[in-house]
Amino acid sequence: MAVQEAALELEAFGKTLDLQLLAGRWRLVYTTASDVLVLLEAERASFGLLRIGDICQSFDTYGGVENLIYASAPPFMSDVALRVRAKYAVAGTRSIRLAFQEASLGDVKISETLETLIAPAVLPRIAPQMWLLQALRELNITLPLPGAGRAIDAGPEDVDGLLGTVANGGAYLLGYCDEDTLVGRALTGGGLFIFKRDIQPQAAM
C-alpha cells in the first residue's frame, strides 16, 4: 500500500511525455500486474526448477518497445530470455497505444550439468550429440502475435479511446518519468509498474 501511495504522489508531479527521457532500458522493481505476478507465482511453485531474473522494458524514440524477461531452469539452463516486441504511438499527453508484434525465446545458456548429460566427457562425442548441443546454444524461436503488422489505431486522446485499442495490443499510461524512475499503468489488463533506469555496462575498449 505504501508503494502505491508513493506512486500516486509521483504521478501528481508527472509532466507531458518526453520521448527522449523515456528512451532507454528500464528494470522492473515493483508491479501489481497479474500477467507478471503469475510468473513469480510459477517460480515459487516450481520447487527451484524455474527462476525469474530481471524483467526489463526498453523504449526507443521511433516507436519501438521491447519487454524482456530473463529466466533460468536449474540445473539444465543457466539463462534464457523471453522477448516481446511491440510498436507504440503517442495517444495523449502521458499515454501511449501499443501494438504487439512478436514474441521470441532465445539467448539460451545451457549448464554444465545438461552438457554432461548429453555428451559425457568420459565418452567420445559423436556428431548427433554435437548437433544437439549446438542447436540448444543457438535456439531462437520467434512467433508473430495476433494483430502483428496492423497499424496502431489513432483514436481519441482520452481513456475511452485508449481502451478501445485492446484488439491491437493495449494502452499504457505513463504517469511519471524522470532520469531514474518510470511509473506506468496498463489501462488494458490493469496493473501498476514501477521501473528504475537500467544502466548497461560499457564494453571494454
N, C-alpha and C. Protein backbone atom coordinates (compact mmCIF):
# COMPACT_ATOMS: atom_id res chain seq x y z
N MET A 1 0.82 -1.20 0.00
CA MET A 1 0.00 0.00 0.00
C MET A 1 0.86 1.26 0.00
N ALA A 2 1.94 1.25 0.79
CA ALA A 2 2.82 2.41 0.86
C ALA A 2 3.46 2.70 -0.50
N VAL A 3 3.82 1.63 -1.23
CA VAL A 3 4.43 1.80 -2.54
C VAL A 3 3.42 2.44 -3.50
N GLN A 4 2.18 1.97 -3.47
CA GLN A 4 1.18 2.51 -4.38
C GLN A 4 0.85 3.96 -4.05
N GLU A 5 0.85 4.31 -2.77
CA GLU A 5 0.63 5.71 -2.38
C GLU A 5 1.78 6.58 -2.86
N ALA A 6 3.00 6.07 -2.76
CA ALA A 6 4.16 6.83 -3.23
C ALA A 6 4.08 7.02 -4.75
N ALA A 7 3.61 5.99 -5.46
CA ALA A 7 3.45 6.11 -6.91
C ALA A 7 2.44 7.20 -7.28
N LEU A 8 1.34 7.25 -6.53
CA LEU A 8 0.34 8.29 -6.77
C LEU A 8 0.90 9.68 -6.55
N GLU A 9 1.74 9.82 -5.54
CA GLU A 9 2.36 11.12 -5.27
C GLU A 9 3.28 11.52 -6.41
N LEU A 10 4.05 10.55 -6.92
CA LEU A 10 4.92 10.86 -8.06
C LEU A 10 4.10 11.25 -9.28
N GLU A 11 3.01 10.50 -9.53
CA GLU A 11 2.19 10.78 -10.70
C GLU A 11 1.58 12.18 -10.64
N ALA A 12 1.38 12.70 -9.44
CA ALA A 12 0.84 14.05 -9.31
C ALA A 12 1.81 15.10 -9.86
N PHE A 13 3.09 14.73 -9.93
CA PHE A 13 4.10 15.64 -10.47
C PHE A 13 4.45 15.31 -11.91
N GLY A 14 3.74 14.34 -12.51
CA GLY A 14 4.03 13.93 -13.88
C GLY A 14 3.81 15.05 -14.87
N LYS A 15 4.63 15.04 -15.91
CA LYS A 15 4.55 16.07 -16.95
C LYS A 15 4.23 15.42 -18.29
N THR A 16 4.13 16.24 -19.31
CA THR A 16 3.91 15.73 -20.66
C THR A 16 5.00 14.75 -21.03
N LEU A 17 4.63 13.66 -21.68
CA LEU A 17 5.56 12.60 -22.03
C LEU A 17 6.70 13.13 -22.90
N ASP A 18 7.93 12.86 -22.45
CA ASP A 18 9.14 13.25 -23.17
C ASP A 18 9.77 11.98 -23.72
N LEU A 19 9.70 11.78 -25.05
CA LEU A 19 10.20 10.54 -25.63
C LEU A 19 11.71 10.40 -25.48
N GLN A 20 12.43 11.51 -25.45
CA GLN A 20 13.87 11.45 -25.25
C GLN A 20 14.19 10.94 -23.84
N LEU A 21 13.39 11.36 -22.87
CA LEU A 21 13.59 10.92 -21.49
C LEU A 21 13.14 9.47 -21.32
N LEU A 22 12.10 9.09 -22.03
CA LEU A 22 11.57 7.73 -21.94
C LEU A 22 12.52 6.72 -22.56
N ALA A 23 13.24 7.12 -23.60
CA ALA A 23 14.09 6.19 -24.35
C ALA A 23 15.15 5.56 -23.44
N GLY A 24 15.38 4.27 -23.65
CA GLY A 24 16.37 3.55 -22.88
C GLY A 24 15.77 2.30 -22.27
N ARG A 25 16.56 1.67 -21.43
CA ARG A 25 16.14 0.41 -20.81
C ARG A 25 15.80 0.64 -19.35
N TRP A 26 14.66 0.06 -18.94
CA TRP A 26 14.15 0.21 -17.58
C TRP A 26 13.99 -1.17 -16.94
N ARG A 27 14.37 -1.29 -15.68
CA ARG A 27 14.28 -2.56 -14.95
C ARG A 27 13.12 -2.49 -13.95
N LEU A 28 12.24 -3.48 -14.00
CA LEU A 28 11.07 -3.51 -13.12
C LEU A 28 11.48 -3.76 -11.67
N VAL A 29 10.95 -2.92 -10.77
CA VAL A 29 11.22 -3.10 -9.34
C VAL A 29 9.95 -3.38 -8.54
N TYR A 30 8.77 -3.10 -9.14
CA TYR A 30 7.51 -3.34 -8.43
C TYR A 30 6.38 -3.40 -9.45
N THR A 31 5.44 -4.31 -9.23
CA THR A 31 4.26 -4.35 -10.08
C THR A 31 3.10 -5.03 -9.36
N THR A 32 1.89 -4.68 -9.80
CA THR A 32 0.68 -5.37 -9.36
C THR A 32 0.00 -6.06 -10.55
N ALA A 33 0.67 -6.08 -11.71
CA ALA A 33 0.08 -6.63 -12.93
C ALA A 33 -0.02 -8.15 -12.84
N SER A 34 -1.18 -8.69 -13.12
CA SER A 34 -1.42 -10.13 -12.95
C SER A 34 -0.56 -10.97 -13.89
N ASP A 35 -0.28 -10.47 -15.11
CA ASP A 35 0.49 -11.28 -16.05
C ASP A 35 1.94 -11.42 -15.63
N VAL A 36 2.43 -10.51 -14.79
CA VAL A 36 3.79 -10.64 -14.24
C VAL A 36 3.75 -11.43 -12.94
N LEU A 37 2.76 -11.16 -12.11
CA LEU A 37 2.65 -11.87 -10.83
C LEU A 37 2.48 -13.37 -11.03
N VAL A 38 1.83 -13.79 -12.13
CA VAL A 38 1.64 -15.22 -12.37
C VAL A 38 2.98 -15.90 -12.65
N LEU A 39 3.92 -15.16 -13.24
CA LEU A 39 5.26 -15.71 -13.46
C LEU A 39 5.97 -15.92 -12.13
N LEU A 40 5.85 -14.94 -11.25
CA LEU A 40 6.50 -15.04 -9.95
C LEU A 40 5.88 -16.14 -9.11
N GLU A 41 4.56 -16.35 -9.27
CA GLU A 41 3.89 -17.44 -8.56
C GLU A 41 4.36 -18.79 -9.11
N ALA A 42 4.54 -18.85 -10.43
CA ALA A 42 5.05 -20.09 -11.02
C ALA A 42 6.45 -20.40 -10.52
N GLU A 43 7.26 -19.36 -10.33
CA GLU A 43 8.60 -19.57 -9.78
C GLU A 43 8.52 -20.15 -8.37
N ARG A 44 7.63 -19.60 -7.55
CA ARG A 44 7.50 -20.09 -6.17
C ARG A 44 6.99 -21.53 -6.12
N ALA A 45 6.16 -21.89 -7.10
CA ALA A 45 5.57 -23.23 -7.10
C ALA A 45 6.44 -24.27 -7.81
N SER A 46 7.58 -23.86 -8.34
CA SER A 46 8.39 -24.77 -9.16
C SER A 46 9.42 -25.56 -8.37
N PHE A 47 9.51 -25.32 -7.07
CA PHE A 47 10.49 -26.00 -6.22
C PHE A 47 11.91 -25.80 -6.73
N GLY A 48 12.18 -24.57 -7.19
CA GLY A 48 13.53 -24.24 -7.63
C GLY A 48 13.86 -24.59 -9.06
N LEU A 49 12.89 -25.17 -9.80
CA LEU A 49 13.15 -25.56 -11.19
C LEU A 49 12.99 -24.39 -12.16
N LEU A 50 12.41 -23.29 -11.69
CA LEU A 50 12.27 -22.09 -12.51
C LEU A 50 12.67 -20.89 -11.67
N ARG A 51 13.49 -20.05 -12.24
CA ARG A 51 13.89 -18.82 -11.57
C ARG A 51 13.71 -17.65 -12.51
N ILE A 52 12.98 -16.64 -12.05
CA ILE A 52 12.76 -15.44 -12.84
C ILE A 52 13.79 -14.40 -12.42
N GLY A 53 14.52 -13.90 -13.40
CA GLY A 53 15.53 -12.88 -13.12
C GLY A 53 14.98 -11.49 -13.39
N ASP A 54 15.81 -10.63 -13.97
CA ASP A 54 15.39 -9.26 -14.26
C ASP A 54 14.28 -9.23 -15.30
N ILE A 55 13.35 -8.31 -15.10
CA ILE A 55 12.30 -8.03 -16.07
C ILE A 55 12.49 -6.58 -16.51
N CYS A 56 12.69 -6.37 -17.80
CA CYS A 56 13.04 -5.04 -18.29
C CYS A 56 12.11 -4.62 -19.43
N GLN A 57 12.06 -3.32 -19.64
CA GLN A 57 11.30 -2.76 -20.75
C GLN A 57 12.16 -1.66 -21.38
N SER A 58 12.28 -1.74 -22.70
CA SER A 58 13.10 -0.77 -23.42
C SER A 58 12.24 0.00 -24.42
N PHE A 59 12.47 1.30 -24.51
CA PHE A 59 11.79 2.16 -25.48
C PHE A 59 12.84 2.84 -26.35
N ASP A 60 12.50 3.06 -27.62
CA ASP A 60 13.30 3.97 -28.43
C ASP A 60 12.44 5.16 -28.80
N THR A 61 13.00 6.10 -29.51
CA THR A 61 12.25 7.32 -29.86
C THR A 61 11.52 7.17 -31.19
N TYR A 62 11.58 5.98 -31.79
CA TYR A 62 10.97 5.76 -33.11
C TYR A 62 9.73 4.88 -33.03
N GLY A 63 9.23 4.63 -31.82
CA GLY A 63 8.01 3.84 -31.68
C GLY A 63 8.23 2.37 -31.43
N GLY A 64 9.40 2.00 -30.95
CA GLY A 64 9.69 0.61 -30.66
C GLY A 64 9.73 0.33 -29.17
N VAL A 65 9.18 -0.82 -28.76
CA VAL A 65 9.18 -1.25 -27.36
C VAL A 65 9.62 -2.71 -27.32
N GLU A 66 10.41 -3.06 -26.32
CA GLU A 66 10.76 -4.46 -26.11
C GLU A 66 10.63 -4.80 -24.64
N ASN A 67 9.81 -5.82 -24.34
CA ASN A 67 9.72 -6.36 -22.99
C ASN A 67 10.64 -7.57 -22.92
N LEU A 68 11.44 -7.65 -21.88
CA LEU A 68 12.46 -8.68 -21.77
C LEU A 68 12.40 -9.33 -20.39
N ILE A 69 12.27 -10.66 -20.38
CA ILE A 69 12.26 -11.41 -19.13
C ILE A 69 13.41 -12.41 -19.15
N TYR A 70 14.29 -12.31 -18.16
CA TYR A 70 15.36 -13.28 -18.03
C TYR A 70 14.92 -14.38 -17.06
N ALA A 71 15.23 -15.60 -17.40
CA ALA A 71 14.87 -16.72 -16.53
C ALA A 71 15.94 -17.79 -16.62
N SER A 72 15.88 -18.73 -15.71
CA SER A 72 16.76 -19.89 -15.75
C SER A 72 15.98 -21.10 -15.27
N ALA A 73 16.47 -22.28 -15.66
CA ALA A 73 15.80 -23.53 -15.28
C ALA A 73 16.86 -24.49 -14.74
N PRO A 74 17.29 -24.25 -13.49
CA PRO A 74 18.31 -25.12 -12.89
C PRO A 74 17.79 -26.56 -12.80
N PRO A 75 18.66 -27.55 -12.98
CA PRO A 75 20.10 -27.41 -13.21
C PRO A 75 20.47 -27.49 -14.69
N PHE A 76 19.50 -27.26 -15.60
CA PHE A 76 19.76 -27.51 -17.01
C PHE A 76 20.10 -26.26 -17.82
N MET A 77 19.41 -25.16 -17.56
CA MET A 77 19.68 -23.93 -18.29
C MET A 77 20.01 -22.83 -17.31
N SER A 78 21.17 -22.20 -17.50
CA SER A 78 21.57 -21.14 -16.60
C SER A 78 21.01 -19.79 -17.03
N ASP A 79 20.51 -19.71 -18.27
CA ASP A 79 19.96 -18.43 -18.72
C ASP A 79 19.11 -18.66 -19.97
N VAL A 80 17.99 -17.95 -20.05
CA VAL A 80 17.16 -17.92 -21.25
C VAL A 80 16.39 -16.60 -21.23
N ALA A 81 16.14 -16.04 -22.39
CA ALA A 81 15.48 -14.73 -22.46
C ALA A 81 14.21 -14.82 -23.29
N LEU A 82 13.13 -14.28 -22.74
CA LEU A 82 11.86 -14.15 -23.46
C LEU A 82 11.67 -12.68 -23.82
N ARG A 83 11.51 -12.42 -25.12
CA ARG A 83 11.32 -11.05 -25.60
C ARG A 83 9.94 -10.91 -26.23
N VAL A 84 9.28 -9.80 -25.95
CA VAL A 84 8.03 -9.45 -26.61
C VAL A 84 8.21 -8.05 -27.19
N ARG A 85 8.12 -7.97 -28.51
CA ARG A 85 8.35 -6.68 -29.18
C ARG A 85 7.01 -6.07 -29.58
N ALA A 86 6.97 -4.75 -29.53
CA ALA A 86 5.74 -4.02 -29.85
C ALA A 86 6.09 -2.68 -30.49
N LYS A 87 5.10 -2.07 -31.11
CA LYS A 87 5.20 -0.70 -31.60
C LYS A 87 4.30 0.16 -30.73
N TYR A 88 4.68 1.42 -30.57
CA TYR A 88 3.82 2.32 -29.80
C TYR A 88 3.59 3.62 -30.55
N ALA A 89 2.50 4.27 -30.22
CA ALA A 89 2.19 5.60 -30.75
C ALA A 89 1.69 6.45 -29.59
N VAL A 90 2.09 7.70 -29.57
CA VAL A 90 1.64 8.61 -28.52
C VAL A 90 0.14 8.83 -28.67
N ALA A 91 -0.59 8.66 -27.57
CA ALA A 91 -2.05 8.78 -27.60
C ALA A 91 -2.55 10.02 -26.88
N GLY A 92 -1.78 10.52 -25.94
CA GLY A 92 -2.18 11.69 -25.15
C GLY A 92 -0.96 12.31 -24.52
N THR A 93 -1.16 13.23 -23.62
CA THR A 93 -0.02 13.93 -23.02
C THR A 93 0.86 13.01 -22.19
N ARG A 94 0.24 11.93 -21.63
CA ARG A 94 1.03 10.98 -20.84
C ARG A 94 0.61 9.54 -21.12
N SER A 95 0.24 9.24 -22.35
CA SER A 95 -0.23 7.89 -22.65
C SER A 95 0.22 7.46 -24.04
N ILE A 96 0.35 6.15 -24.21
CA ILE A 96 0.72 5.58 -25.49
C ILE A 96 -0.19 4.39 -25.80
N ARG A 97 -0.33 4.08 -27.08
CA ARG A 97 -1.00 2.87 -27.52
C ARG A 97 0.06 1.86 -27.92
N LEU A 98 -0.19 0.58 -27.67
CA LEU A 98 0.74 -0.48 -28.01
C LEU A 98 0.12 -1.43 -29.02
N ALA A 99 0.92 -1.88 -29.96
CA ALA A 99 0.52 -2.93 -30.89
C ALA A 99 1.62 -3.99 -30.84
N PHE A 100 1.32 -5.13 -30.23
CA PHE A 100 2.32 -6.18 -30.08
C PHE A 100 2.62 -6.84 -31.41
N GLN A 101 3.90 -7.13 -31.65
CA GLN A 101 4.34 -7.65 -32.93
C GLN A 101 4.76 -9.12 -32.88
N GLU A 102 5.67 -9.45 -31.98
CA GLU A 102 6.18 -10.82 -31.95
C GLU A 102 6.76 -11.16 -30.58
N ALA A 103 6.85 -12.45 -30.31
CA ALA A 103 7.49 -12.95 -29.10
C ALA A 103 8.59 -13.91 -29.52
N SER A 104 9.70 -13.89 -28.79
CA SER A 104 10.80 -14.78 -29.13
C SER A 104 11.44 -15.34 -27.88
N LEU A 105 12.02 -16.52 -28.03
CA LEU A 105 12.72 -17.19 -26.95
C LEU A 105 14.13 -17.49 -27.45
N GLY A 106 15.14 -17.06 -26.72
CA GLY A 106 16.50 -17.26 -27.18
C GLY A 106 17.52 -16.94 -26.11
N ASP A 107 18.74 -16.67 -26.55
CA ASP A 107 19.87 -16.38 -25.65
C ASP A 107 20.04 -17.48 -24.61
N VAL A 108 19.92 -18.72 -25.07
CA VAL A 108 19.97 -19.87 -24.15
C VAL A 108 21.42 -20.17 -23.78
N LYS A 109 21.65 -20.33 -22.50
CA LYS A 109 22.95 -20.79 -22.00
C LYS A 109 22.70 -22.09 -21.23
N ILE A 110 23.18 -23.19 -21.79
CA ILE A 110 22.96 -24.46 -21.12
C ILE A 110 24.01 -24.65 -20.03
N SER A 111 23.63 -25.38 -19.00
CA SER A 111 24.53 -25.60 -17.87
C SER A 111 25.51 -26.73 -18.16
N GLU A 112 26.55 -26.80 -17.35
CA GLU A 112 27.50 -27.90 -17.48
C GLU A 112 26.82 -29.24 -17.19
N THR A 113 25.82 -29.22 -16.30
CA THR A 113 25.09 -30.45 -15.98
C THR A 113 24.39 -31.01 -17.21
N LEU A 114 23.68 -30.16 -17.96
CA LEU A 114 22.98 -30.62 -19.15
C LEU A 114 23.97 -31.05 -20.22
N GLU A 115 25.03 -30.28 -20.38
CA GLU A 115 26.04 -30.66 -21.38
C GLU A 115 26.63 -32.03 -21.07
N THR A 116 26.87 -32.29 -19.78
CA THR A 116 27.42 -33.59 -19.38
C THR A 116 26.42 -34.71 -19.64
N LEU A 117 25.13 -34.45 -19.41
CA LEU A 117 24.12 -35.47 -19.67
C LEU A 117 24.03 -35.81 -21.15
N ILE A 118 24.13 -34.78 -22.00
CA ILE A 118 24.03 -35.01 -23.44
C ILE A 118 25.30 -35.64 -23.99
N ALA A 119 26.44 -35.14 -23.53
CA ALA A 119 27.71 -35.62 -24.06
C ALA A 119 28.71 -35.76 -22.92
N PRO A 120 28.68 -36.90 -22.21
CA PRO A 120 29.61 -37.10 -21.09
C PRO A 120 31.06 -36.95 -21.52
N ALA A 121 31.84 -36.27 -20.70
CA ALA A 121 33.23 -36.01 -21.04
C ALA A 121 34.07 -37.28 -21.12
N VAL A 122 33.64 -38.34 -20.43
CA VAL A 122 34.44 -39.58 -20.39
C VAL A 122 34.21 -40.44 -21.62
N LEU A 123 33.24 -40.06 -22.48
CA LEU A 123 32.95 -40.82 -23.68
C LEU A 123 33.24 -39.98 -24.92
N PRO A 124 33.58 -40.61 -26.02
CA PRO A 124 33.78 -39.84 -27.26
C PRO A 124 32.50 -39.13 -27.66
N ARG A 125 32.63 -37.90 -28.11
CA ARG A 125 31.46 -37.14 -28.55
C ARG A 125 31.22 -37.41 -30.02
N ILE A 126 30.01 -37.85 -30.34
CA ILE A 126 29.67 -38.16 -31.72
C ILE A 126 28.85 -37.02 -32.31
N ALA A 127 28.68 -37.06 -33.63
CA ALA A 127 28.04 -35.95 -34.35
C ALA A 127 26.65 -35.59 -33.82
N PRO A 128 25.72 -36.54 -33.59
CA PRO A 128 24.40 -36.15 -33.09
C PRO A 128 24.46 -35.40 -31.76
N GLN A 129 25.37 -35.78 -30.87
CA GLN A 129 25.50 -35.06 -29.60
C GLN A 129 25.93 -33.62 -29.83
N MET A 130 26.91 -33.45 -30.72
CA MET A 130 27.42 -32.11 -31.00
C MET A 130 26.35 -31.25 -31.68
N TRP A 131 25.56 -31.86 -32.57
CA TRP A 131 24.49 -31.13 -33.24
C TRP A 131 23.45 -30.65 -32.22
N LEU A 132 23.11 -31.55 -31.27
CA LEU A 132 22.11 -31.20 -30.26
C LEU A 132 22.62 -30.06 -29.37
N LEU A 133 23.87 -30.14 -28.93
CA LEU A 133 24.43 -29.07 -28.11
C LEU A 133 24.42 -27.74 -28.86
N GLN A 134 24.82 -27.79 -30.14
CA GLN A 134 24.86 -26.57 -30.94
C GLN A 134 23.45 -26.01 -31.14
N ALA A 135 22.47 -26.89 -31.38
CA ALA A 135 21.09 -26.43 -31.59
C ALA A 135 20.55 -25.76 -30.34
N LEU A 136 20.85 -26.30 -29.16
CA LEU A 136 20.39 -25.69 -27.92
C LEU A 136 21.02 -24.33 -27.71
N ARG A 137 22.32 -24.22 -28.01
CA ARG A 137 23.01 -22.95 -27.80
C ARG A 137 22.50 -21.88 -28.77
N GLU A 138 22.05 -22.29 -29.95
CA GLU A 138 21.61 -21.33 -30.96
C GLU A 138 20.09 -21.23 -31.03
N LEU A 139 19.38 -21.82 -30.06
CA LEU A 139 17.92 -21.82 -30.07
C LEU A 139 17.37 -20.40 -30.12
N ASN A 140 16.52 -20.15 -31.08
CA ASN A 140 15.86 -18.84 -31.19
C ASN A 140 14.52 -19.05 -31.88
N ILE A 141 13.46 -19.07 -31.09
CA ILE A 141 12.11 -19.29 -31.60
C ILE A 141 11.37 -17.95 -31.59
N THR A 142 10.85 -17.55 -32.75
CA THR A 142 10.11 -16.30 -32.87
C THR A 142 8.73 -16.57 -33.43
N LEU A 143 7.71 -16.04 -32.76
CA LEU A 143 6.33 -16.23 -33.19
C LEU A 143 5.64 -14.89 -33.33
N PRO A 144 4.96 -14.65 -34.46
CA PRO A 144 4.16 -13.42 -34.58
C PRO A 144 2.97 -13.48 -33.64
N LEU A 145 2.59 -12.34 -33.12
CA LEU A 145 1.45 -12.27 -32.21
C LEU A 145 0.20 -11.83 -32.96
N PRO A 146 -0.98 -12.18 -32.47
CA PRO A 146 -2.23 -11.79 -33.15
C PRO A 146 -2.28 -10.29 -33.40
N GLY A 147 -2.59 -9.91 -34.62
CA GLY A 147 -2.68 -8.49 -34.96
C GLY A 147 -1.36 -7.90 -35.38
N ALA A 148 -0.28 -8.71 -35.43
CA ALA A 148 1.03 -8.19 -35.83
C ALA A 148 0.95 -7.57 -37.22
N GLY A 149 1.57 -6.40 -37.36
CA GLY A 149 1.59 -5.73 -38.64
C GLY A 149 0.45 -4.75 -38.84
N ARG A 150 -0.54 -4.78 -37.95
CA ARG A 150 -1.65 -3.84 -38.09
C ARG A 150 -1.23 -2.47 -37.59
N ALA A 151 -1.80 -1.45 -38.20
CA ALA A 151 -1.48 -0.08 -37.78
C ALA A 151 -2.00 0.16 -36.37
N ILE A 152 -1.27 1.01 -35.64
CA ILE A 152 -1.73 1.40 -34.31
C ILE A 152 -2.83 2.42 -34.48
N ASP A 153 -4.01 2.07 -33.99
CA ASP A 153 -5.17 2.89 -34.26
C ASP A 153 -5.06 4.25 -33.60
N ALA A 154 -5.41 5.27 -34.33
CA ALA A 154 -5.30 6.64 -33.83
C ALA A 154 -6.68 7.16 -33.50
N GLY A 155 -7.10 6.96 -32.28
CA GLY A 155 -8.42 7.38 -31.84
C GLY A 155 -8.35 8.59 -30.95
N PRO A 156 -9.39 8.84 -30.20
CA PRO A 156 -9.43 10.00 -29.31
C PRO A 156 -8.35 9.91 -28.25
N GLU A 157 -7.88 11.05 -27.78
CA GLU A 157 -6.82 11.09 -26.79
C GLU A 157 -7.41 11.10 -25.38
N ASP A 158 -8.23 10.11 -25.07
CA ASP A 158 -8.78 10.01 -23.73
C ASP A 158 -8.82 8.55 -23.32
N VAL A 159 -9.19 8.30 -22.10
CA VAL A 159 -9.17 6.93 -21.60
C VAL A 159 -10.10 6.03 -22.40
N ASP A 160 -11.28 6.53 -22.76
CA ASP A 160 -12.21 5.70 -23.52
C ASP A 160 -11.61 5.32 -24.86
N GLY A 161 -10.95 6.28 -25.51
CA GLY A 161 -10.31 5.99 -26.78
C GLY A 161 -9.21 4.97 -26.62
N LEU A 162 -8.43 5.06 -25.54
CA LEU A 162 -7.35 4.13 -25.31
C LEU A 162 -7.87 2.73 -25.07
N LEU A 163 -8.93 2.62 -24.29
CA LEU A 163 -9.47 1.30 -24.00
C LEU A 163 -10.04 0.65 -25.25
N GLY A 164 -10.31 1.44 -26.26
CA GLY A 164 -10.82 0.89 -27.50
C GLY A 164 -9.76 0.23 -28.36
N THR A 165 -8.49 0.23 -27.92
CA THR A 165 -7.42 -0.33 -28.73
C THR A 165 -7.01 -1.71 -28.29
N VAL A 166 -7.83 -2.39 -27.49
CA VAL A 166 -7.47 -3.71 -26.97
C VAL A 166 -7.10 -4.68 -28.08
N ALA A 167 -7.86 -4.67 -29.18
CA ALA A 167 -7.61 -5.62 -30.25
C ALA A 167 -6.23 -5.46 -30.85
N ASN A 168 -5.69 -4.25 -30.84
CA ASN A 168 -4.37 -4.01 -31.41
C ASN A 168 -3.25 -4.22 -30.41
N GLY A 169 -3.54 -4.37 -29.14
CA GLY A 169 -2.48 -4.62 -28.18
C GLY A 169 -2.80 -4.10 -26.80
N GLY A 170 -2.89 -2.79 -26.63
CA GLY A 170 -3.15 -2.28 -25.30
C GLY A 170 -2.88 -0.80 -25.20
N ALA A 171 -3.07 -0.29 -24.02
CA ALA A 171 -2.85 1.12 -23.75
C ALA A 171 -2.10 1.25 -22.44
N TYR A 172 -1.25 2.25 -22.37
CA TYR A 172 -0.31 2.40 -21.27
C TYR A 172 -0.29 3.85 -20.84
N LEU A 173 -0.58 4.11 -19.57
CA LEU A 173 -0.50 5.45 -19.02
C LEU A 173 0.86 5.60 -18.34
N LEU A 174 1.66 6.54 -18.81
CA LEU A 174 2.98 6.79 -18.23
C LEU A 174 2.85 8.01 -17.33
N GLY A 175 2.53 7.74 -16.06
CA GLY A 175 2.18 8.81 -15.14
C GLY A 175 3.34 9.66 -14.68
N TYR A 176 4.55 9.06 -14.68
CA TYR A 176 5.71 9.82 -14.21
C TYR A 176 6.98 9.25 -14.85
N CYS A 177 7.85 10.13 -15.29
CA CYS A 177 9.12 9.69 -15.87
C CYS A 177 10.17 10.78 -15.65
N ASP A 178 11.29 10.38 -15.01
CA ASP A 178 12.42 11.29 -14.91
C ASP A 178 13.67 10.51 -15.32
N GLU A 179 14.84 11.00 -14.97
CA GLU A 179 16.08 10.36 -15.39
C GLU A 179 16.26 8.96 -14.80
N ASP A 180 15.62 8.69 -13.66
CA ASP A 180 15.86 7.43 -12.95
C ASP A 180 14.63 6.57 -12.75
N THR A 181 13.42 7.14 -12.75
CA THR A 181 12.22 6.41 -12.35
C THR A 181 11.12 6.55 -13.39
N LEU A 182 10.44 5.43 -13.66
CA LEU A 182 9.30 5.42 -14.57
C LEU A 182 8.13 4.74 -13.87
N VAL A 183 6.98 5.42 -13.83
CA VAL A 183 5.77 4.86 -13.24
C VAL A 183 4.73 4.75 -14.35
N GLY A 184 4.27 3.52 -14.59
CA GLY A 184 3.29 3.29 -15.64
C GLY A 184 2.12 2.47 -15.14
N ARG A 185 1.00 2.59 -15.85
CA ARG A 185 -0.20 1.79 -15.54
C ARG A 185 -0.76 1.24 -16.84
N ALA A 186 -1.01 -0.07 -16.85
CA ALA A 186 -1.65 -0.70 -18.01
C ALA A 186 -3.15 -0.41 -17.94
N LEU A 187 -3.67 0.27 -18.94
CA LEU A 187 -5.10 0.59 -18.96
C LEU A 187 -5.92 -0.56 -19.52
N THR A 188 -5.28 -1.47 -20.25
CA THR A 188 -5.95 -2.68 -20.74
C THR A 188 -5.30 -3.86 -20.02
N GLY A 189 -6.01 -4.42 -19.07
CA GLY A 189 -5.46 -5.51 -18.28
C GLY A 189 -5.18 -5.09 -16.85
N GLY A 190 -4.87 -3.83 -16.66
CA GLY A 190 -4.64 -3.29 -15.33
C GLY A 190 -3.27 -3.62 -14.79
N GLY A 191 -2.86 -2.85 -13.80
CA GLY A 191 -1.59 -3.12 -13.14
C GLY A 191 -0.70 -1.89 -13.10
N LEU A 192 -0.06 -1.70 -11.95
CA LEU A 192 0.91 -0.63 -11.74
C LEU A 192 2.31 -1.18 -11.98
N PHE A 193 3.14 -0.41 -12.66
CA PHE A 193 4.53 -0.79 -12.91
C PHE A 193 5.44 0.34 -12.43
N ILE A 194 6.48 -0.02 -11.69
CA ILE A 194 7.49 0.95 -11.30
C ILE A 194 8.84 0.42 -11.77
N PHE A 195 9.54 1.24 -12.55
CA PHE A 195 10.83 0.86 -13.12
C PHE A 195 11.93 1.80 -12.63
N LYS A 196 13.14 1.29 -12.58
CA LYS A 196 14.34 2.10 -12.40
C LYS A 196 15.14 2.00 -13.69
N ARG A 197 15.79 3.11 -14.07
CA ARG A 197 16.58 3.06 -15.30
C ARG A 197 17.71 2.05 -15.13
N ASP A 198 17.87 1.20 -16.13
CA ASP A 198 18.86 0.13 -16.10
C ASP A 198 20.06 0.58 -16.92
N ILE A 199 21.15 0.86 -16.26
CA ILE A 199 22.36 1.30 -16.94
C ILE A 199 23.19 0.09 -17.33
N GLN A 200 23.38 -0.08 -18.62
CA GLN A 200 24.16 -1.21 -19.11
C GLN A 200 25.65 -0.90 -19.03
N PRO A 201 26.47 -1.88 -18.60
CA PRO A 201 27.91 -1.65 -18.53
C PRO A 201 28.50 -1.39 -19.90
N GLN A 202 29.47 -0.49 -19.97
CA GLN A 202 30.14 -0.19 -21.23
C GLN A 202 31.10 -1.31 -21.58
N ALA A 203 31.14 -1.65 -22.86
CA ALA A 203 32.06 -2.69 -23.31
C ALA A 203 33.50 -2.19 -23.20
N ALA A 204 34.39 -3.10 -22.84
CA ALA A 204 35.81 -2.74 -22.72
C ALA A 204 36.39 -2.40 -24.08
N MET A 205 37.22 -1.37 -24.13
CA MET A 205 37.84 -0.95 -25.38
C MET A 205 39.06 -1.80 -25.67
